[in-house]
Amino acid sequence: MADDETKKPAAEPEVEKNADATDSEPSGAPAATPKKQAQRTRAPPPKVRAKEAAGKKSIEETDVPKAPHRPTLDPETKRLLSVRDAIDDRRPVFGRQAANRYWRIGRWGAWRRPRGLQSKQRRHYGYRAELVSIGYSSPALVRFRTPSGFVPIMVQTPRDLEGLNAQRDAAIIGRTVGTRRRLVLEESARKKGIHVLNPLLKEREEE
């Protein structure tokens, strides 16, 4: 009995130590290691950063007007465009005289009026090709317009973009313009909301 009484007080300090440990640290929650703390402060992956940057960029570019893919047309212009399409469907092929005989004449498809005194094409023989005449032309108000209805305007410098109407005109960058100036022109047209018919960098369609 004396031995048992002497052993009981010795176990009490161990219980107190365990109680102190449970008060300081909750049960079931392991202590945070230095490795996990480093993971918490780690930077986001590159894909997440790219998405965040794209979101910020889109918010900044909300003030920039978006270039229309189609012009704003009145009913009369739309009607004339449909008339022009009908005329294009029934317009014949204007073949140059002797184009089927000499490759050097017919390779470019350039038209020349026949001038020979005995030319069967000049005298409108039925088995010869038709001659170009004003009756085959399209309506004057929609002549030289694009199929969508834009009025194409040649552009070579940023100053040429100042007088363009974004709802009616579209820019065509000249073929002699270099790549560096072309990129500057495309950026200026994008900021002004002007549609470019021959862009070097095509916009990716949003899914």
C-alpha atoms as a PDB file:
ATOM      1  CA  MET A   1       0.000   0.000   0.000  1.00  0.00           C
ATOM      2  CA  ALA A   2       2.780   2.422   0.789  1.00  0.00           C
ATOM      3  CA  ASP A   3       4.368   1.729  -2.556  1.00  0.00           C
ATOM      4  CA  ASP A   4       1.116   2.515  -4.404  1.00  0.00           C
ATOM      5  CA  GLU A   5       0.674   5.813  -2.569  1.00  0.00           C
ATOM      6  CA  THR A   6       4.164   6.896  -3.481  1.00  0.00           C
ATOM      7  CA  LYS A   7       3.602   6.065  -7.225  1.00  0.00           C
ATOM      8  CA  LYS A   8       0.362   8.107  -7.632  1.00  0.00           C
ATOM      9  CA  PRO A   9       1.849  11.601  -7.040  1.00  0.00           C
ATOM     10  CA  ALA A  10       4.580  10.832  -9.588  1.00  0.00           C
ATOM     11  CA  ALA A  11       1.992  10.500 -12.428  1.00  0.00           C
ATOM     12  CA  GLU A  12       0.276  13.863 -11.713  1.00  0.00           C
ATOM     13  CA  PRO A  13       2.941  16.138 -13.317  1.00  0.00           C
ATOM     14  CA  GLU A  14       2.697  14.163 -16.604  1.00  0.00           C
ATOM     15  CA  VAL A  15      -1.080  14.818 -16.768  1.00  0.00           C
ATOM     16  CA  GLU A  16      -0.492  18.512 -16.167  1.00  0.00           C
ATOM     17  CA  LYS A  17       2.046  18.620 -18.991  1.00  0.00           C
ATOM     18  CA  ASN A  18      -0.405  16.979 -21.353  1.00  0.00           C
ATOM     19  CA  ALA A  19      -3.136  19.424 -20.316  1.00  0.00           C
ATOM     20  CA  ASP A  20      -0.846  22.351 -20.992  1.00  0.00           C
ATOM     21  CA  ALA A  21      -0.080  20.947 -24.453  1.00  0.00           C
ATOM     22  CA  THR A  22      -3.750  20.498 -25.287  1.00  0.00           C
ATOM     23  CA  ASP A  23      -4.562  24.066 -24.181  1.00  0.00           C
ATOM     24  CA  SER A  24      -1.844  25.590 -26.340  1.00  0.00           C
ATOM     25  CA  GLU A  25      -2.494  23.445 -29.480  1.00  0.00           C
ATOM     26  CA  PRO A  26      -6.000  22.320 -30.540  1.00  0.00           C
ATOM     27  CA  SER A  27      -6.525  18.644 -31.045  1.00  0.00           C
ATOM     28  CA  GLY A  28      -6.489  17.343 -34.593  1.00  0.00           C
ATOM     29  CA  ALA A  29      -4.662  20.398 -36.094  1.00  0.00           C
ATOM     30  CA  PRO A  30      -0.998  19.657 -36.857  1.00  0.00           C
ATOM     31  CA  ALA A  31       1.512  22.404 -36.359  1.00  0.00           C
ATOM     32  CA  ALA A  32       2.439  24.387 -39.470  1.00  0.00           C
ATOM     33  CA  THR A  33       5.822  23.357 -40.819  1.00  0.00           C
ATOM     34  CA  PRO A  34       8.213  25.843 -42.503  1.00  0.00           C
ATOM     35  CA  LYS A  35       7.675  24.087 -45.857  1.00  0.00           C
ATOM     36  CA  LYS A  36       3.882  24.661 -45.754  1.00  0.00           C
ATOM     37  CA  GLN A  37       4.384  28.289 -44.774  1.00  0.00           C
ATOM     38  CA  ALA A  38       6.603  28.750 -47.824  1.00  0.00           C
ATOM     39  CA  GLN A  39       3.928  27.205 -50.024  1.00  0.00           C
ATOM     40  CA  ARG A  40       1.342  29.678 -48.736  1.00  0.00           C
ATOM     41  CA  THR A  41       3.477  32.676 -49.762  1.00  0.00           C
ATOM     42  CA  ARG A  42       4.473  31.251 -53.158  1.00  0.00           C
ATOM     43  CA  ALA A  43       3.576  33.314 -56.283  1.00  0.00           C
ATOM     44  CA  PRO A  44       0.713  32.094 -58.529  1.00  0.00           C
ATOM     45  CA  PRO A  45       1.598  29.989 -61.594  1.00  0.00           C
ATOM     46  CA  PRO A  46       2.248  31.690 -64.967  1.00  0.00           C
ATOM     47  CA  LYS A  47      -1.173  30.746 -66.411  1.00  0.00           C
ATOM     48  CA  VAL A  48      -2.984  32.408 -63.514  1.00  0.00           C
ATOM     49  CA  ARG A  49      -0.822  35.513 -63.870  1.00  0.00           C
ATOM     50  CA  ALA A  50      -1.511  35.636 -67.613  1.00  0.00           C
ATOM     51  CA  LYS A  51      -5.261  35.446 -66.987  1.00  0.00           C
ATOM     52  CA  GLU A  52      -5.068  38.224 -64.396  1.00  0.00           C
ATOM     53  CA  ALA A  53      -3.047  40.402 -66.776  1.00  0.00           C
ATOM     54  CA  ALA A  54      -5.539  39.754 -69.591  1.00  0.00           C
ATOM     55  CA  GLY A  55      -8.411  40.721 -67.302  1.00  0.00           C
ATOM     56  CA  LYS A  56      -6.698  43.963 -66.325  1.00  0.00           C
ATOM     57  CA  LYS A  57      -5.916  44.713 -69.978  1.00  0.00           C
ATOM     58  CA  SER A  58      -9.508  44.126 -71.035  1.00  0.00           C
ATOM     59  CA  ILE A  59     -10.711  46.488 -68.308  1.00  0.00           C
ATOM     60  CA  GLU A  60      -8.259  49.151 -69.481  1.00  0.00           C
ATOM     61  CA  GLU A  61      -9.314  48.759 -73.140  1.00  0.00           C
ATOM     62  CA  THR A  62     -13.021  49.204 -72.515  1.00  0.00           C
ATOM     63  CA  ASP A  63     -12.749  52.874 -73.515  1.00  0.00           C
ATOM     64  CA  VAL A  64     -11.303  51.958 -76.953  1.00  0.00           C
ATOM     65  CA  PRO A  65     -14.089  51.775 -79.600  1.00  0.00           C
ATOM     66  CA  LYS A  66     -14.385  48.424 -81.328  1.00  0.00           C
ATOM     67  CA  ALA A  67     -14.006  48.421 -85.104  1.00  0.00           C
ATOM     68  CA  PRO A  68     -17.241  47.341 -86.839  1.00  0.00           C
ATOM     69  CA  HIS A  69     -17.069  44.329 -89.150  1.00  0.00           C
ATOM     70  CA  ARG A  70     -19.951  45.701 -91.242  1.00  0.00           C
ATOM     71  CA  PRO A  71     -20.827  49.307 -92.129  1.00  0.00           C
ATOM     72  CA  THR A  72     -23.998  51.144 -91.195  1.00  0.00           C
ATOM     73  CA  LEU A  73     -26.054  51.256 -94.401  1.00  0.00           C
ATOM     74  CA  ASP A  74     -29.326  52.989 -95.220  1.00  0.00           C
ATOM     75  CA  PRO A  75     -32.123  51.025 -96.982  1.00  0.00           C
ATOM     76  CA  GLU A  76     -31.373  52.536-100.405  1.00  0.00           C
ATOM     77  CA  THR A  77     -27.715  51.492-100.250  1.00  0.00           C
ATOM     78  CA  LYS A  78     -28.706  47.974 -99.231  1.00  0.00           C
ATOM     79  CA  ARG A  79     -31.085  47.790-102.180  1.00  0.00           C
ATOM     80  CA  LEU A  80     -28.412  48.974-104.603  1.00  0.00           C
ATOM     81  CA  LEU A  81     -25.955  46.418-103.245  1.00  0.00           C
ATOM     82  CA  SER A  82     -28.446  43.649-103.982  1.00  0.00           C
ATOM     83  CA  VAL A  83     -28.937  45.095-107.491  1.00  0.00           C
ATOM     84  CA  ARG A  84     -25.180  45.090-107.988  1.00  0.00           C
ATOM     85  CA  ASP A  85     -25.001  41.429-106.965  1.00  0.00           C
ATOM     86  CA  ALA A  86     -27.686  40.565-109.518  1.00  0.00           C
ATOM     87  CA  ILE A  87     -25.788  42.446-112.256  1.00  0.00           C
ATOM     88  CA  ASP A  88     -22.562  40.661-111.337  1.00  0.00           C
ATOM     89  CA  ASP A  89     -24.262  37.282-111.707  1.00  0.00           C
ATOM     90  CA  ARG A  90     -25.400  37.929-115.285  1.00  0.00           C
ATOM     91  CA  ARG A  91     -22.347  39.903-116.463  1.00  0.00           C
ATOM     92  CA  PRO A  92     -20.475  37.976-119.211  1.00  0.00           C
ATOM     93  CA  VAL A  93     -16.770  37.255-119.346  1.00  0.00           C
ATOM     94  CA  PHE A  94     -15.020  39.910-121.431  1.00  0.00           C
ATOM     95  CA  GLY A  95     -12.327  38.097-123.371  1.00  0.00           C
ATOM     96  CA  ARG A  96      -9.634  40.022-125.166  1.00  0.00           C
ATOM     97  CA  GLN A  97      -9.245  39.471-128.892  1.00  0.00           C
ATOM     98  CA  ALA A  98      -6.836  36.604-129.744  1.00  0.00           C
ATOM     99  CA  ALA A  99      -6.397  35.808-126.038  1.00  0.00           C
ATOM    100  CA  ASN A 100      -6.994  32.125-126.795  1.00  0.00           C
ATOM    101  CA  ARG A 101      -4.358  32.225-129.503  1.00  0.00           C
ATOM    102  CA  TYR A 102      -1.447  33.913-127.722  1.00  0.00           C
ATOM    103  CA  TRP A 103      -0.568  33.225-124.122  1.00  0.00           C
ATOM    104  CA  ARG A 104       1.196  36.589-123.734  1.00  0.00           C
ATOM    105  CA  ILE A 105      -2.116  38.374-124.426  1.00  0.00           C
ATOM    106  CA  GLY A 106      -4.437  36.397-122.193  1.00  0.00           C
ATOM    107  CA  ARG A 107      -2.221  35.691-119.188  1.00  0.00           C
ATOM    108  CA  TRP A 108      -3.000  38.915-117.285  1.00  0.00           C
ATOM    109  CA  GLY A 109      -6.668  39.198-118.252  1.00  0.00           C
ATOM    110  CA  ALA A 110      -6.252  42.878-119.213  1.00  0.00           C
ATOM    111  CA  TRP A 111      -8.926  44.273-121.525  1.00  0.00           C
ATOM    112  CA  ARG A 112      -8.092  46.035-124.796  1.00  0.00           C
ATOM    113  CA  ARG A 113     -10.672  47.301-127.258  1.00  0.00           C
ATOM    114  CA  PRO A 114     -10.422  45.591-130.673  1.00  0.00           C
ATOM    115  CA  ARG A 115      -9.402  48.089-133.406  1.00  0.00           C
ATOM    116  CA  GLY A 116      -8.983  45.934-136.476  1.00  0.00           C
ATOM    117  CA  LEU A 117     -10.867  46.946-139.578  1.00  0.00           C
ATOM    118  CA  GLN A 118     -12.119  43.403-140.156  1.00  0.00           C
ATOM    119  CA  SER A 119     -12.295  42.409-136.474  1.00  0.00           C
ATOM    120  CA  LYS A 120     -15.287  40.170-135.888  1.00  0.00           C
ATOM    121  CA  GLN A 121     -15.354  41.077-132.197  1.00  0.00           C
ATOM    122  CA  ARG A 122     -15.471  44.801-132.999  1.00  0.00           C
ATOM    123  CA  ARG A 123     -18.389  44.189-135.353  1.00  0.00           C
ATOM    124  CA  HIS A 124     -20.260  42.245-132.647  1.00  0.00           C
ATOM    125  CA  TYR A 125     -20.369  38.861-134.297  1.00  0.00           C
ATOM    126  CA  GLY A 126     -22.335  36.480-132.114  1.00  0.00           C
ATOM    127  CA  TYR A 127     -19.631  33.821-131.828  1.00  0.00           C
ATOM    128  CA  ARG A 128     -17.103  36.332-130.487  1.00  0.00           C
ATOM    129  CA  ALA A 129     -16.750  37.570-126.888  1.00  0.00           C
ATOM    130  CA  GLU A 130     -18.786  40.539-125.719  1.00  0.00           C
ATOM    131  CA  LEU A 131     -17.300  44.014-125.633  1.00  0.00           C
ATOM    132  CA  VAL A 132     -17.049  46.085-122.492  1.00  0.00           C
ATOM    133  CA  SER A 133     -19.770  48.741-122.433  1.00  0.00           C
ATOM    134  CA  ILE A 134     -21.344  51.059-119.903  1.00  0.00           C
ATOM    135  CA  GLY A 135     -24.539  49.017-119.765  1.00  0.00           C
ATOM    136  CA  TYR A 136     -22.808  46.284-117.739  1.00  0.00           C
ATOM    137  CA  SER A 137     -21.680  48.629-114.943  1.00  0.00           C
ATOM    138  CA  SER A 138     -23.058  48.594-111.419  1.00  0.00           C
ATOM    139  CA  PRO A 139     -24.994  51.489-109.796  1.00  0.00           C
ATOM    140  CA  ALA A 140     -22.807  54.551-109.289  1.00  0.00           C
ATOM    141  CA  LEU A 141     -23.667  54.973-105.579  1.00  0.00           C
ATOM    142  CA  VAL A 142     -22.295  51.531-104.650  1.00  0.00           C
ATOM    143  CA  ARG A 143     -19.557  51.269-107.250  1.00  0.00           C
ATOM    144  CA  PHE A 144     -16.119  50.210-105.959  1.00  0.00           C
ATOM    145  CA  ARG A 145     -17.543  49.251-102.557  1.00  0.00           C
ATOM    146  CA  THR A 146     -16.602  46.022-100.821  1.00  0.00           C
ATOM    147  CA  PRO A 147     -19.112  43.125-100.760  1.00  0.00           C
ATOM    148  CA  SER A 148     -20.084  44.093 -97.211  1.00  0.00           C
ATOM    149  CA  GLY A 149     -20.622  47.748 -98.219  1.00  0.00           C
ATOM    150  CA  PHE A 150     -17.471  49.489 -96.932  1.00  0.00           C
ATOM    151  CA  VAL A 151     -15.882  52.317 -98.921  1.00  0.00           C
ATOM    152  CA  PRO A 152     -12.202  51.302 -99.219  1.00  0.00           C
ATOM    153  CA  ILE A 153      -9.703  54.099 -98.534  1.00  0.00           C
ATOM    154  CA  MET A 154      -5.984  53.734 -99.250  1.00  0.00           C
ATOM    155  CA  VAL A 155      -3.878  54.482 -96.153  1.00  0.00           C
ATOM    156  CA  GLN A 156      -0.112  54.902 -95.982  1.00  0.00           C
ATOM    157  CA  THR A 157       0.471  57.201 -92.987  1.00  0.00           C
ATOM    158  CA  PRO A 158      -1.322  57.670 -89.643  1.00  0.00           C
ATOM    159  CA  ARG A 159      -2.446  61.103 -90.875  1.00  0.00           C
ATOM    160  CA  ASP A 160      -4.593  59.407 -93.534  1.00  0.00           C
ATOM    161  CA  LEU A 161      -6.761  57.867 -90.801  1.00  0.00           C
ATOM    162  CA  GLU A 162      -7.952  61.211 -89.466  1.00  0.00           C
ATOM    163  CA  GLY A 163     -10.711  61.879 -91.996  1.00  0.00           C
ATOM    164  CA  LEU A 164     -12.182  58.350 -92.083  1.00  0.00           C
ATOM    165  CA  ASN A 165     -15.695  57.588 -90.904  1.00  0.00           C
ATOM    166  CA  ALA A 166     -15.640  54.301 -88.975  1.00  0.00           C
ATOM    167  CA  GLN A 167     -19.284  53.532 -89.794  1.00  0.00           C
ATOM    168  CA  ARG A 168     -18.808  53.899 -93.555  1.00  0.00           C
ATOM    169  CA  ASP A 169     -15.117  53.727 -94.534  1.00  0.00           C
ATOM    170  CA  ALA A 170     -12.542  50.959 -94.213  1.00  0.00           C
ATOM    171  CA  ALA A 171      -8.777  51.315 -94.457  1.00  0.00           C
ATOM    172  CA  ILE A 172      -6.564  49.493 -96.954  1.00  0.00           C
ATOM    173  CA  ILE A 173      -2.868  49.638 -96.086  1.00  0.00           C
ATOM    174  CA  GLY A 174      -0.708  50.172 -99.173  1.00  0.00           C
ATOM    175  CA  ARG A 175       1.468  47.308-100.334  1.00  0.00           C
ATOM    176  CA  THR A 176       4.615  49.480-100.263  1.00  0.00           C
ATOM    177  CA  VAL A 177       4.234  50.115 -96.525  1.00  0.00           C
ATOM    178  CA  GLY A 178       6.794  48.246 -94.420  1.00  0.00           C
ATOM    179  CA  THR A 179       5.993  45.918 -91.549  1.00  0.00           C
ATOM    180  CA  ARG A 180       6.986  48.374 -88.815  1.00  0.00           C
ATOM    181  CA  ARG A 181       4.819  51.199 -90.166  1.00  0.00           C
ATOM    182  CA  ARG A 182       2.034  48.730 -90.942  1.00  0.00           C
ATOM    183  CA  LEU A 183       1.874  47.676 -87.288  1.00  0.00           C
ATOM    184  CA  VAL A 184       1.731  51.358 -86.265  1.00  0.00           C
ATOM    185  CA  LEU A 185      -1.133  51.963 -88.708  1.00  0.00           C
ATOM    186  CA  GLU A 186      -3.058  48.937 -87.463  1.00  0.00           C
ATOM    187  CA  GLU A 187      -2.672  50.053 -83.847  1.00  0.00           C
ATOM    188  CA  SER A 188      -3.833  53.592 -84.710  1.00  0.00           C
ATOM    189  CA  ALA A 189      -6.832  52.217 -86.611  1.00  0.00           C
ATOM    190  CA  ARG A 190      -7.715  49.921 -83.698  1.00  0.00           C
ATOM    191  CA  LYS A 191      -7.683  52.834 -81.249  1.00  0.00           C
ATOM    192  CA  LYS A 192      -9.926  54.886 -83.538  1.00  0.00           C
ATOM    193  CA  GLY A 193     -12.291  51.985 -84.202  1.00  0.00           C
ATOM    194  CA  ILE A 194     -11.587  51.806 -87.957  1.00  0.00           C
ATOM    195  CA  HIS A 195     -11.880  48.503 -89.784  1.00  0.00           C
ATOM    196  CA  VAL A 196      -8.759  47.376 -91.707  1.00  0.00           C
ATOM    197  CA  LEU A 197      -9.413  45.227 -94.773  1.00  0.00           C
ATOM    198  CA  ASN A 198      -5.906  43.743 -95.042  1.00  0.00           C
ATOM    199  CA  PRO A 199      -4.579  43.458 -91.483  1.00  0.00           C
ATOM    200  CA  LEU A 200      -1.224  41.855 -90.787  1.00  0.00           C
ATOM    201  CA  LEU A 201      -2.391  40.613 -87.381  1.00  0.00           C
ATOM    202  CA  LYS A 202      -5.853  39.095 -87.581  1.00  0.00           C
ATOM    203  CA  GLU A 203      -7.979  39.299 -84.446  1.00  0.00           C
ATOM    204  CA  ARG A 204      -8.638  35.986 -82.737  1.00  0.00           C
ATOM    205  CA  GLU A 205     -12.336  35.207 -82.613  1.00  0.00           C
ATOM    206  CA  GLU A 206     -13.681  35.081 -79.098  1.00  0.00           C
ATOM    207  CA  GLU A 207     -15.090  31.694 -78.164  1.00  0.00           C
END
